[in-house]
């Protein structure tokens, strides 16, 4: 943990609900940020502590607080496959189309890491699978690159299959380049 990490940051990171209640009652700031700009809500989302996320939101934590990389709690939860936390944050009106470093979205992160359930949740709330990052890659490019067959099959249906990145490569190029069996997930090749 970085300097300026508060006891509330640590309790949220570790999912200690009772400690959080005590700290908040004693006046701990729910909006405190450490040197990386991370809030206690970021930490709870990162670690998938859904009850802590709900508690912090009910106490007034800002759902779209950004860290120094411009990531919000939703991006942390999506990147780590925490489905329940993603759903809670979406219900709390977290911006699902938010972009952060390199123009990544929560859908890019979930696709990169192969979290098919999170990908489905994000697509249900109309997040575009055609959104490109700073290199021109869509979430499908990353799922194919990393061999995440389930995610490739889900994203293939979004009509982003022929999308080209800044190097004029499609997701199929990356699946072939990396030698992944996810090529089968593209149907006819």
N, C-alpha and C. Protein backbone atom coordinates (compact mmCIF):
# COMPACT_ATOMS: atom_id res chain seq x y z
N UNK A 1 0.84 -1.19 0.00
CA UNK A 1 0.00 0.00 0.00
C UNK A 1 0.88 1.26 0.00
N UNK A 2 0.39 2.31 -0.61
CA UNK A 2 1.12 3.56 -0.74
C UNK A 2 1.01 4.39 0.54
N UNK A 3 1.89 5.37 0.64
CA UNK A 3 1.79 6.34 1.73
C UNK A 3 0.43 7.03 1.63
N UNK A 4 -0.01 7.59 2.70
CA UNK A 4 -1.31 8.26 2.82
C UNK A 4 -2.47 7.29 2.76
N UNK A 5 -2.19 6.02 2.82
CA UNK A 5 -3.27 5.04 2.92
C UNK A 5 -3.85 5.14 4.32
N UNK A 6 -5.16 5.30 4.39
CA UNK A 6 -5.80 5.47 5.69
C UNK A 6 -6.26 4.11 6.24
N UNK A 7 -6.58 4.06 7.51
CA UNK A 7 -7.14 2.83 8.05
C UNK A 7 -8.42 2.40 7.29
N UNK A 8 -9.19 3.39 6.82
CA UNK A 8 -10.40 3.06 6.07
C UNK A 8 -10.05 2.38 4.74
N UNK A 9 -8.99 2.85 4.09
CA UNK A 9 -8.53 2.18 2.87
C UNK A 9 -8.21 0.71 3.15
N UNK A 10 -7.47 0.48 4.22
CA UNK A 10 -7.05 -0.87 4.57
C UNK A 10 -8.23 -1.77 4.93
N UNK A 11 -9.16 -1.23 5.70
CA UNK A 11 -10.34 -2.01 6.09
C UNK A 11 -11.18 -2.35 4.86
N UNK A 12 -11.33 -1.40 3.93
CA UNK A 12 -12.09 -1.65 2.71
C UNK A 12 -11.39 -2.69 1.85
N UNK A 13 -10.08 -2.60 1.72
CA UNK A 13 -9.30 -3.54 0.92
C UNK A 13 -9.46 -4.97 1.44
N UNK A 14 -9.55 -5.09 2.76
CA UNK A 14 -9.64 -6.42 3.38
C UNK A 14 -11.07 -6.85 3.71
N UNK A 15 -12.04 -6.01 3.41
CA UNK A 15 -13.45 -6.39 3.60
C UNK A 15 -13.90 -6.44 5.05
N UNK A 16 -13.31 -5.64 5.90
CA UNK A 16 -13.65 -5.65 7.33
C UNK A 16 -14.82 -4.69 7.60
N UNK A 17 -16.02 -5.21 7.45
CA UNK A 17 -17.22 -4.39 7.58
C UNK A 17 -17.36 -3.72 8.94
N UNK A 18 -17.15 -4.46 10.01
CA UNK A 18 -17.30 -3.88 11.35
C UNK A 18 -16.28 -2.79 11.61
N UNK A 19 -15.07 -2.98 11.15
CA UNK A 19 -14.03 -1.96 11.33
C UNK A 19 -14.42 -0.70 10.56
N UNK A 20 -14.96 -0.87 9.37
CA UNK A 20 -15.39 0.27 8.56
C UNK A 20 -16.47 1.06 9.30
N UNK A 21 -17.44 0.36 9.88
CA UNK A 21 -18.50 1.03 10.65
C UNK A 21 -17.91 1.86 11.78
N UNK A 22 -16.97 1.28 12.49
CA UNK A 22 -16.33 1.99 13.61
C UNK A 22 -15.58 3.22 13.10
N UNK A 23 -14.81 3.04 12.03
CA UNK A 23 -14.02 4.15 11.49
C UNK A 23 -14.92 5.29 10.98
N UNK A 24 -15.99 4.93 10.31
CA UNK A 24 -16.90 5.97 9.81
C UNK A 24 -17.59 6.70 10.96
N UNK A 25 -17.97 5.96 11.97
CA UNK A 25 -18.61 6.57 13.15
C UNK A 25 -17.63 7.52 13.85
N UNK A 26 -16.34 7.18 13.79
CA UNK A 26 -15.30 8.01 14.42
C UNK A 26 -14.89 9.19 13.54
N UNK A 27 -15.47 9.31 12.35
CA UNK A 27 -15.20 10.46 11.51
C UNK A 27 -14.23 10.24 10.36
N UNK A 28 -13.91 9.01 10.05
CA UNK A 28 -13.01 8.75 8.91
C UNK A 28 -13.64 9.30 7.62
N UNK A 29 -12.81 9.86 6.78
CA UNK A 29 -13.29 10.45 5.53
C UNK A 29 -13.47 9.38 4.46
N UNK A 30 -14.69 9.27 3.98
CA UNK A 30 -15.02 8.30 2.94
C UNK A 30 -14.44 8.72 1.60
N UNK A 31 -14.06 10.00 1.48
CA UNK A 31 -13.53 10.55 0.24
C UNK A 31 -12.01 10.59 0.20
N UNK A 32 -11.35 10.07 1.22
CA UNK A 32 -9.89 10.16 1.28
C UNK A 32 -9.25 9.39 0.12
N UNK A 33 -8.13 9.96 -0.37
CA UNK A 33 -7.38 9.32 -1.46
C UNK A 33 -5.95 9.10 -1.02
N UNK A 34 -5.37 7.99 -1.49
CA UNK A 34 -3.95 7.75 -1.22
C UNK A 34 -3.11 8.40 -2.33
N UNK A 35 -1.83 8.14 -2.37
CA UNK A 35 -0.94 8.77 -3.37
C UNK A 35 -1.28 8.37 -4.80
N UNK A 36 -1.98 7.27 -4.99
CA UNK A 36 -2.37 6.86 -6.34
C UNK A 36 -3.77 7.36 -6.70
N UNK A 37 -4.38 8.11 -5.80
CA UNK A 37 -5.72 8.64 -6.03
C UNK A 37 -6.82 7.65 -5.73
N UNK A 38 -6.45 6.53 -5.14
CA UNK A 38 -7.41 5.47 -4.83
C UNK A 38 -8.21 5.81 -3.57
N UNK A 39 -9.50 5.55 -3.62
CA UNK A 39 -10.38 5.74 -2.47
C UNK A 39 -10.68 4.39 -1.82
N UNK A 40 -11.27 4.40 -0.64
CA UNK A 40 -11.70 3.13 -0.04
C UNK A 40 -12.66 2.35 -0.96
N UNK A 41 -13.52 3.06 -1.70
CA UNK A 41 -14.43 2.38 -2.62
C UNK A 41 -13.67 1.66 -3.73
N UNK A 42 -12.62 2.27 -4.25
CA UNK A 42 -11.78 1.59 -5.24
C UNK A 42 -11.26 0.27 -4.67
N UNK A 43 -10.77 0.33 -3.43
CA UNK A 43 -10.19 -0.86 -2.80
C UNK A 43 -11.21 -1.98 -2.61
N UNK A 44 -12.39 -1.61 -2.16
CA UNK A 44 -13.43 -2.62 -1.96
C UNK A 44 -13.85 -3.23 -3.29
N UNK A 45 -13.96 -2.40 -4.33
CA UNK A 45 -14.33 -2.90 -5.66
C UNK A 45 -13.24 -3.79 -6.24
N UNK A 46 -12.01 -3.39 -6.07
CA UNK A 46 -10.86 -4.16 -6.56
C UNK A 46 -10.85 -5.57 -5.99
N UNK A 47 -11.17 -5.68 -4.72
CA UNK A 47 -11.12 -6.96 -4.03
C UNK A 47 -12.44 -7.73 -4.04
N UNK A 48 -13.49 -7.12 -4.60
CA UNK A 48 -14.77 -7.82 -4.72
C UNK A 48 -15.59 -7.90 -3.45
N UNK A 49 -15.39 -6.99 -2.54
CA UNK A 49 -16.15 -6.98 -1.28
C UNK A 49 -17.47 -6.25 -1.49
N UNK A 50 -18.47 -6.97 -2.00
CA UNK A 50 -19.74 -6.34 -2.38
C UNK A 50 -20.48 -5.71 -1.23
N UNK A 51 -20.42 -6.30 -0.05
CA UNK A 51 -21.11 -5.70 1.10
C UNK A 51 -20.44 -4.39 1.51
N UNK A 52 -19.13 -4.35 1.41
CA UNK A 52 -18.40 -3.12 1.73
C UNK A 52 -18.70 -2.05 0.68
N UNK A 53 -18.76 -2.45 -0.58
CA UNK A 53 -19.10 -1.50 -1.65
C UNK A 53 -20.47 -0.89 -1.36
N UNK A 54 -21.45 -1.72 -1.04
CA UNK A 54 -22.79 -1.21 -0.73
C UNK A 54 -22.76 -0.27 0.47
N UNK A 55 -22.02 -0.65 1.50
CA UNK A 55 -21.92 0.16 2.71
C UNK A 55 -21.32 1.53 2.39
N UNK A 56 -20.23 1.54 1.64
CA UNK A 56 -19.56 2.81 1.32
C UNK A 56 -20.45 3.69 0.44
N UNK A 57 -21.14 3.09 -0.50
CA UNK A 57 -22.06 3.87 -1.34
C UNK A 57 -23.20 4.45 -0.50
N UNK A 58 -23.74 3.66 0.42
CA UNK A 58 -24.81 4.14 1.29
C UNK A 58 -24.34 5.27 2.20
N UNK A 59 -23.05 5.30 2.49
CA UNK A 59 -22.47 6.35 3.34
C UNK A 59 -22.03 7.57 2.54
N UNK A 60 -22.24 7.52 1.20
CA UNK A 60 -21.96 8.69 0.40
C UNK A 60 -20.69 8.66 -0.44
N UNK A 61 -20.07 7.49 -0.59
CA UNK A 61 -18.88 7.40 -1.45
C UNK A 61 -19.28 7.76 -2.88
N UNK A 62 -18.42 8.47 -3.57
CA UNK A 62 -18.68 8.90 -4.95
C UNK A 62 -18.41 7.73 -5.89
N UNK A 63 -19.43 7.30 -6.61
CA UNK A 63 -19.36 6.11 -7.45
C UNK A 63 -18.39 6.27 -8.61
N UNK A 64 -18.13 7.51 -9.03
CA UNK A 64 -17.25 7.75 -10.17
C UNK A 64 -15.94 8.44 -9.77
N UNK A 65 -15.49 8.21 -8.58
CA UNK A 65 -14.21 8.77 -8.15
C UNK A 65 -13.10 8.19 -9.03
N UNK A 66 -12.19 9.02 -9.48
CA UNK A 66 -11.12 8.58 -10.38
C UNK A 66 -9.78 8.59 -9.65
N UNK A 67 -8.99 7.55 -9.90
CA UNK A 67 -7.63 7.51 -9.36
C UNK A 67 -6.69 8.23 -10.33
N UNK A 68 -5.41 8.18 -10.08
CA UNK A 68 -4.44 8.89 -10.93
C UNK A 68 -4.38 8.35 -12.35
N UNK A 69 -4.84 7.12 -12.57
CA UNK A 69 -4.89 6.55 -13.92
C UNK A 69 -6.25 6.79 -14.57
N UNK A 70 -7.09 7.55 -13.89
CA UNK A 70 -8.45 7.87 -14.34
C UNK A 70 -9.41 6.69 -14.26
N UNK A 71 -9.03 5.65 -13.49
CA UNK A 71 -9.93 4.51 -13.30
C UNK A 71 -10.91 4.80 -12.17
N UNK A 72 -12.12 4.31 -12.36
CA UNK A 72 -13.13 4.41 -11.30
C UNK A 72 -13.33 3.03 -10.67
N UNK A 73 -14.12 2.94 -9.61
CA UNK A 73 -14.34 1.64 -8.98
C UNK A 73 -14.91 0.57 -9.92
N UNK A 74 -15.75 0.98 -10.88
CA UNK A 74 -16.30 0.01 -11.83
C UNK A 74 -15.20 -0.64 -12.66
N UNK A 75 -14.23 0.14 -13.09
CA UNK A 75 -13.14 -0.43 -13.88
C UNK A 75 -12.34 -1.43 -13.06
N UNK A 76 -12.14 -1.14 -11.78
CA UNK A 76 -11.41 -2.07 -10.90
C UNK A 76 -12.18 -3.39 -10.75
N UNK A 77 -13.48 -3.28 -10.55
CA UNK A 77 -14.31 -4.49 -10.38
C UNK A 77 -14.36 -5.30 -11.67
N UNK A 78 -14.53 -4.63 -12.81
CA UNK A 78 -14.60 -5.32 -14.10
C UNK A 78 -13.29 -6.01 -14.43
N UNK A 79 -12.18 -5.35 -14.14
CA UNK A 79 -10.85 -5.90 -14.44
C UNK A 79 -10.55 -7.15 -13.62
N UNK A 80 -11.25 -7.30 -12.50
CA UNK A 80 -10.98 -8.44 -11.63
C UNK A 80 -12.14 -9.44 -11.57
N UNK A 81 -13.12 -9.26 -12.44
CA UNK A 81 -14.18 -10.25 -12.58
C UNK A 81 -15.18 -10.31 -11.44
N UNK A 82 -15.37 -9.21 -10.74
CA UNK A 82 -16.29 -9.20 -9.60
C UNK A 82 -17.70 -8.82 -10.06
N UNK A 83 -18.43 -9.83 -10.50
CA UNK A 83 -19.75 -9.63 -11.10
C UNK A 83 -20.72 -8.89 -10.20
N UNK A 84 -20.81 -9.32 -8.97
CA UNK A 84 -21.77 -8.71 -8.04
C UNK A 84 -21.43 -7.24 -7.81
N UNK A 85 -20.16 -6.92 -7.67
CA UNK A 85 -19.75 -5.53 -7.47
C UNK A 85 -20.05 -4.71 -8.72
N UNK A 86 -19.81 -5.27 -9.89
CA UNK A 86 -20.12 -4.58 -11.14
C UNK A 86 -21.62 -4.24 -11.17
N UNK A 87 -22.46 -5.19 -10.83
CA UNK A 87 -23.91 -4.97 -10.82
C UNK A 87 -24.31 -3.88 -9.82
N UNK A 88 -23.72 -3.91 -8.64
CA UNK A 88 -24.02 -2.91 -7.61
C UNK A 88 -23.62 -1.52 -8.10
N UNK A 89 -22.44 -1.40 -8.67
CA UNK A 89 -21.96 -0.10 -9.13
C UNK A 89 -22.80 0.42 -10.30
N UNK A 90 -23.23 -0.47 -11.17
CA UNK A 90 -24.10 -0.05 -12.28
C UNK A 90 -25.44 0.46 -11.74
N UNK A 91 -25.99 -0.24 -10.76
CA UNK A 91 -27.25 0.21 -10.15
C UNK A 91 -27.09 1.55 -9.44
N UNK A 92 -25.87 1.85 -9.01
CA UNK A 92 -25.57 3.12 -8.35
C UNK A 92 -25.19 4.20 -9.37
N UNK A 93 -25.40 3.90 -10.64
CA UNK A 93 -25.17 4.83 -11.75
C UNK A 93 -23.70 5.11 -12.04
N UNK A 94 -22.86 4.12 -11.87
CA UNK A 94 -21.48 4.26 -12.31
C UNK A 94 -21.49 4.40 -13.83
N UNK A 95 -20.70 5.31 -14.38
CA UNK A 95 -20.69 5.47 -15.84
C UNK A 95 -20.04 4.27 -16.52
N UNK A 96 -20.85 3.48 -17.20
CA UNK A 96 -20.38 2.23 -17.79
C UNK A 96 -19.52 2.43 -19.04
N UNK A 97 -19.59 3.61 -19.62
CA UNK A 97 -18.81 3.89 -20.83
C UNK A 97 -17.57 4.73 -20.53
N UNK A 98 -17.22 4.81 -19.26
CA UNK A 98 -16.08 5.64 -18.87
C UNK A 98 -14.79 5.11 -19.49
N UNK A 99 -13.92 6.04 -19.84
CA UNK A 99 -12.62 5.69 -20.39
C UNK A 99 -11.54 6.17 -19.44
N UNK A 100 -10.46 5.42 -19.41
CA UNK A 100 -9.32 5.82 -18.59
C UNK A 100 -8.06 5.62 -19.40
N UNK A 101 -6.92 5.41 -18.76
CA UNK A 101 -5.65 5.40 -19.49
C UNK A 101 -5.74 4.58 -20.77
N UNK A 102 -5.12 5.08 -21.79
CA UNK A 102 -5.11 4.45 -23.12
C UNK A 102 -6.50 4.22 -23.70
N UNK A 103 -7.48 4.97 -23.21
CA UNK A 103 -8.87 4.89 -23.68
C UNK A 103 -9.52 3.53 -23.44
N UNK A 104 -9.05 2.82 -22.43
CA UNK A 104 -9.70 1.56 -22.07
C UNK A 104 -11.02 1.85 -21.36
N UNK A 105 -11.94 0.89 -21.51
CA UNK A 105 -13.23 0.93 -20.81
C UNK A 105 -13.30 -0.29 -19.89
N UNK A 106 -14.30 -0.33 -19.01
CA UNK A 106 -14.48 -1.55 -18.21
C UNK A 106 -14.63 -2.80 -19.09
N UNK A 107 -15.26 -2.66 -20.26
CA UNK A 107 -15.42 -3.80 -21.16
C UNK A 107 -14.08 -4.27 -21.72
N UNK A 108 -13.18 -3.35 -22.02
CA UNK A 108 -11.83 -3.74 -22.46
C UNK A 108 -11.15 -4.60 -21.38
N UNK A 109 -11.23 -4.11 -20.14
CA UNK A 109 -10.59 -4.83 -19.04
C UNK A 109 -11.18 -6.22 -18.83
N UNK A 110 -12.49 -6.32 -18.80
CA UNK A 110 -13.13 -7.63 -18.58
C UNK A 110 -12.81 -8.58 -19.73
N UNK A 111 -12.77 -8.07 -20.94
CA UNK A 111 -12.45 -8.90 -22.12
C UNK A 111 -11.00 -9.35 -22.09
N UNK A 112 -10.11 -8.45 -21.77
CA UNK A 112 -8.67 -8.75 -21.69
C UNK A 112 -8.41 -9.89 -20.71
N UNK A 113 -9.13 -9.87 -19.60
CA UNK A 113 -8.91 -10.86 -18.54
C UNK A 113 -9.83 -12.08 -18.63
N UNK A 114 -10.73 -12.09 -19.61
CA UNK A 114 -11.56 -13.28 -19.84
C UNK A 114 -12.75 -13.45 -18.92
N UNK A 115 -13.29 -12.36 -18.39
CA UNK A 115 -14.42 -12.46 -17.48
C UNK A 115 -15.74 -12.37 -18.26
N UNK A 116 -16.17 -13.51 -18.77
CA UNK A 116 -17.33 -13.57 -19.64
C UNK A 116 -18.61 -13.07 -18.97
N UNK A 117 -18.81 -13.36 -17.71
CA UNK A 117 -20.03 -12.92 -17.02
C UNK A 117 -20.06 -11.40 -16.90
N UNK A 118 -18.92 -10.80 -16.62
CA UNK A 118 -18.84 -9.34 -16.54
C UNK A 118 -19.08 -8.73 -17.92
N UNK A 119 -18.52 -9.34 -18.95
CA UNK A 119 -18.75 -8.88 -20.33
C UNK A 119 -20.25 -8.89 -20.62
N UNK A 120 -20.93 -9.95 -20.27
CA UNK A 120 -22.37 -10.04 -20.51
C UNK A 120 -23.15 -8.97 -19.75
N UNK A 121 -22.77 -8.73 -18.51
CA UNK A 121 -23.43 -7.69 -17.70
C UNK A 121 -23.27 -6.33 -18.37
N UNK A 122 -22.06 -6.03 -18.81
CA UNK A 122 -21.80 -4.72 -19.43
C UNK A 122 -22.54 -4.58 -20.77
N UNK A 123 -22.59 -5.64 -21.54
CA UNK A 123 -23.31 -5.58 -22.82
C UNK A 123 -24.81 -5.39 -22.61
N UNK A 124 -25.34 -5.96 -21.53
CA UNK A 124 -26.78 -5.81 -21.24
C UNK A 124 -27.16 -4.36 -20.95
N UNK A 125 -26.21 -3.57 -20.47
CA UNK A 125 -26.51 -2.16 -20.19
C UNK A 125 -26.02 -1.27 -21.35
N UNK A 126 -25.89 -1.91 -22.50
CA UNK A 126 -25.62 -1.22 -23.77
C UNK A 126 -24.24 -0.56 -23.87
N UNK A 127 -23.26 -1.19 -23.28
CA UNK A 127 -21.89 -0.74 -23.50
C UNK A 127 -21.50 -1.22 -24.90
N UNK A 128 -20.91 -0.36 -25.68
CA UNK A 128 -20.56 -0.71 -27.06
C UNK A 128 -19.29 -1.56 -27.11
N UNK A 129 -19.41 -2.68 -27.79
CA UNK A 129 -18.25 -3.55 -28.00
C UNK A 129 -17.36 -3.02 -29.12
N UNK A 130 -17.82 -1.98 -29.79
CA UNK A 130 -17.06 -1.40 -30.90
C UNK A 130 -16.13 -0.28 -30.45
N UNK A 131 -16.17 0.07 -29.17
CA UNK A 131 -15.32 1.14 -28.66
C UNK A 131 -13.86 0.75 -28.78
N UNK A 132 -13.08 1.67 -29.33
CA UNK A 132 -11.65 1.40 -29.54
C UNK A 132 -10.80 2.14 -28.52
N UNK A 133 -9.69 1.53 -28.16
CA UNK A 133 -8.74 2.19 -27.27
C UNK A 133 -7.77 3.03 -28.10
N UNK A 134 -6.72 3.55 -27.49
CA UNK A 134 -5.79 4.44 -28.19
C UNK A 134 -5.00 3.74 -29.30
N UNK A 135 -4.99 2.40 -29.29
CA UNK A 135 -4.31 1.65 -30.35
C UNK A 135 -5.29 1.14 -31.40
N UNK A 136 -6.56 1.51 -31.24
CA UNK A 136 -7.59 1.10 -32.18
C UNK A 136 -8.17 -0.27 -31.91
N UNK A 137 -7.80 -0.88 -30.80
CA UNK A 137 -8.29 -2.22 -30.48
C UNK A 137 -9.64 -2.15 -29.76
N UNK A 138 -10.50 -3.10 -30.11
CA UNK A 138 -11.78 -3.27 -29.44
C UNK A 138 -11.60 -4.33 -28.35
N UNK A 139 -12.58 -4.48 -27.48
CA UNK A 139 -12.51 -5.57 -26.50
C UNK A 139 -12.30 -6.95 -27.15
N UNK A 140 -12.89 -7.17 -28.33
CA UNK A 140 -12.71 -8.44 -29.03
C UNK A 140 -11.25 -8.69 -29.39
N UNK A 141 -10.53 -7.67 -29.77
CA UNK A 141 -9.09 -7.83 -30.06
C UNK A 141 -8.37 -8.45 -28.86
N UNK A 142 -8.67 -7.93 -27.67
CA UNK A 142 -7.98 -8.41 -26.47
C UNK A 142 -8.41 -9.82 -26.07
N UNK A 143 -9.70 -10.10 -26.20
CA UNK A 143 -10.17 -11.46 -25.88
C UNK A 143 -9.53 -12.47 -26.81
N UNK A 144 -9.42 -12.15 -28.09
CA UNK A 144 -8.81 -13.05 -29.08
C UNK A 144 -7.31 -13.20 -28.82
N UNK A 145 -6.65 -12.10 -28.53
CA UNK A 145 -5.20 -12.12 -28.26
C UNK A 145 -4.88 -13.04 -27.09
N UNK A 146 -5.73 -13.01 -26.08
CA UNK A 146 -5.47 -13.77 -24.85
C UNK A 146 -6.15 -15.13 -24.83
N UNK A 147 -6.81 -15.50 -25.92
CA UNK A 147 -7.39 -16.84 -26.03
C UNK A 147 -8.60 -17.09 -25.16
N UNK A 148 -9.39 -16.06 -24.90
CA UNK A 148 -10.59 -16.22 -24.06
C UNK A 148 -11.80 -16.57 -24.94
N UNK A 149 -11.95 -17.85 -25.20
CA UNK A 149 -12.97 -18.35 -26.13
C UNK A 149 -14.39 -17.90 -25.79
N UNK A 150 -14.77 -17.99 -24.52
CA UNK A 150 -16.14 -17.62 -24.13
C UNK A 150 -16.41 -16.15 -24.44
N UNK A 151 -15.44 -15.31 -24.13
CA UNK A 151 -15.60 -13.88 -24.39
C UNK A 151 -15.63 -13.61 -25.89
N UNK A 152 -14.77 -14.30 -26.64
CA UNK A 152 -14.76 -14.14 -28.10
C UNK A 152 -16.14 -14.49 -28.66
N UNK A 153 -16.73 -15.59 -28.22
CA UNK A 153 -18.05 -16.00 -28.71
C UNK A 153 -19.12 -14.96 -28.39
N UNK A 154 -19.05 -14.37 -27.22
CA UNK A 154 -20.02 -13.34 -26.83
C UNK A 154 -19.83 -12.09 -27.69
N UNK A 155 -18.60 -11.64 -27.81
CA UNK A 155 -18.33 -10.39 -28.52
C UNK A 155 -18.47 -10.53 -30.04
N UNK A 156 -18.28 -11.74 -30.52
CA UNK A 156 -18.42 -11.98 -31.96
C UNK A 156 -19.81 -11.59 -32.45
N UNK A 157 -20.79 -11.73 -31.59
CA UNK A 157 -22.18 -11.42 -31.93
C UNK A 157 -22.44 -9.92 -32.02
N UNK A 158 -21.50 -9.10 -31.60
CA UNK A 158 -21.71 -7.65 -31.54
C UNK A 158 -21.35 -6.93 -32.83
N UNK A 159 -20.96 -7.67 -33.83
CA UNK A 159 -20.60 -7.12 -35.14
C UNK A 159 -19.33 -6.26 -35.09
N UNK A 160 -18.47 -6.53 -34.14
CA UNK A 160 -17.18 -5.83 -34.10
C UNK A 160 -16.07 -6.73 -34.66
N UNK A 161 -16.47 -7.85 -35.25
CA UNK A 161 -15.51 -8.87 -35.68
C UNK A 161 -14.56 -8.37 -36.78
N UNK A 162 -15.00 -7.48 -37.63
CA UNK A 162 -14.15 -6.99 -38.72
C UNK A 162 -13.45 -5.67 -38.40
N UNK A 163 -13.59 -5.22 -37.18
CA UNK A 163 -12.98 -3.97 -36.78
C UNK A 163 -11.45 -4.09 -36.81
N UNK A 164 -10.80 -3.09 -37.39
CA UNK A 164 -9.33 -3.10 -37.50
C UNK A 164 -8.72 -2.10 -36.53
N UNK A 165 -7.58 -2.47 -36.00
CA UNK A 165 -6.85 -1.57 -35.11
C UNK A 165 -5.96 -0.63 -35.92
N UNK A 166 -5.13 0.13 -35.24
CA UNK A 166 -4.25 1.10 -35.91
C UNK A 166 -3.22 0.45 -36.83
N UNK A 167 -2.98 -0.85 -36.65
CA UNK A 167 -2.06 -1.61 -37.51
C UNK A 167 -2.80 -2.38 -38.60
N UNK A 168 -4.10 -2.07 -38.75
CA UNK A 168 -4.95 -2.72 -39.76
C UNK A 168 -5.18 -4.21 -39.49
N UNK A 169 -5.13 -4.60 -38.22
CA UNK A 169 -5.35 -6.00 -37.85
C UNK A 169 -6.71 -6.16 -37.18
N UNK A 170 -7.36 -7.28 -37.48
CA UNK A 170 -8.61 -7.63 -36.82
C UNK A 170 -8.29 -8.54 -35.63
N UNK A 171 -9.31 -8.85 -34.87
CA UNK A 171 -9.15 -9.78 -33.75
C UNK A 171 -8.68 -11.14 -34.24
N UNK A 172 -9.14 -11.55 -35.39
CA UNK A 172 -8.74 -12.82 -35.97
C UNK A 172 -7.22 -12.85 -36.22
N UNK A 173 -6.67 -11.74 -36.66
CA UNK A 173 -5.21 -11.66 -36.83
C UNK A 173 -4.49 -12.00 -35.52
N UNK A 174 -4.98 -11.42 -34.43
CA UNK A 174 -4.31 -11.63 -33.14
C UNK A 174 -4.48 -13.05 -32.63
N UNK A 175 -5.64 -13.64 -32.84
CA UNK A 175 -5.83 -15.04 -32.44
C UNK A 175 -4.86 -15.93 -33.20
N UNK A 176 -4.70 -15.67 -34.49
CA UNK A 176 -3.77 -16.46 -35.31
C UNK A 176 -2.32 -16.20 -34.90
N UNK A 177 -1.99 -14.96 -34.66
CA UNK A 177 -0.64 -14.58 -34.26
C UNK A 177 -0.21 -15.28 -32.97
N UNK A 178 -1.14 -15.35 -32.02
CA UNK A 178 -0.84 -15.95 -30.72
C UNK A 178 -1.03 -17.46 -30.71
N UNK A 179 -1.61 -18.01 -31.78
CA UNK A 179 -1.79 -19.46 -31.87
C UNK A 179 -2.88 -20.01 -30.97
N UNK A 180 -3.88 -19.20 -30.71
CA UNK A 180 -4.96 -19.64 -29.81
C UNK A 180 -6.03 -20.43 -30.55
N UNK A 181 -6.55 -21.40 -29.85
CA UNK A 181 -7.66 -22.18 -30.39
C UNK A 181 -8.92 -21.34 -30.51
N UNK A 182 -8.88 -20.13 -29.97
CA UNK A 182 -10.06 -19.27 -30.06
C UNK A 182 -10.41 -18.96 -31.51
N UNK A 183 -9.54 -19.33 -32.44
CA UNK A 183 -9.87 -19.19 -33.86
C UNK A 183 -11.19 -19.88 -34.17
N UNK A 184 -11.42 -21.01 -33.50
CA UNK A 184 -12.68 -21.76 -33.71
C UNK A 184 -13.89 -20.95 -33.30
N UNK A 185 -13.70 -20.04 -32.35
CA UNK A 185 -14.80 -19.22 -31.87
C UNK A 185 -15.26 -18.19 -32.89
N UNK A 186 -14.47 -18.01 -33.95
CA UNK A 186 -14.84 -17.04 -34.99
C UNK A 186 -15.73 -17.66 -36.06
N UNK A 187 -16.01 -18.93 -35.97
CA UNK A 187 -16.81 -19.60 -36.99
C UNK A 187 -15.93 -19.94 -38.16
N UNK A 188 -16.38 -19.65 -39.35
CA UNK A 188 -15.58 -19.91 -40.55
C UNK A 188 -14.36 -19.02 -40.56
N UNK A 189 -13.20 -19.60 -40.80
CA UNK A 189 -11.96 -18.81 -40.81
C UNK A 189 -11.28 -18.87 -42.14
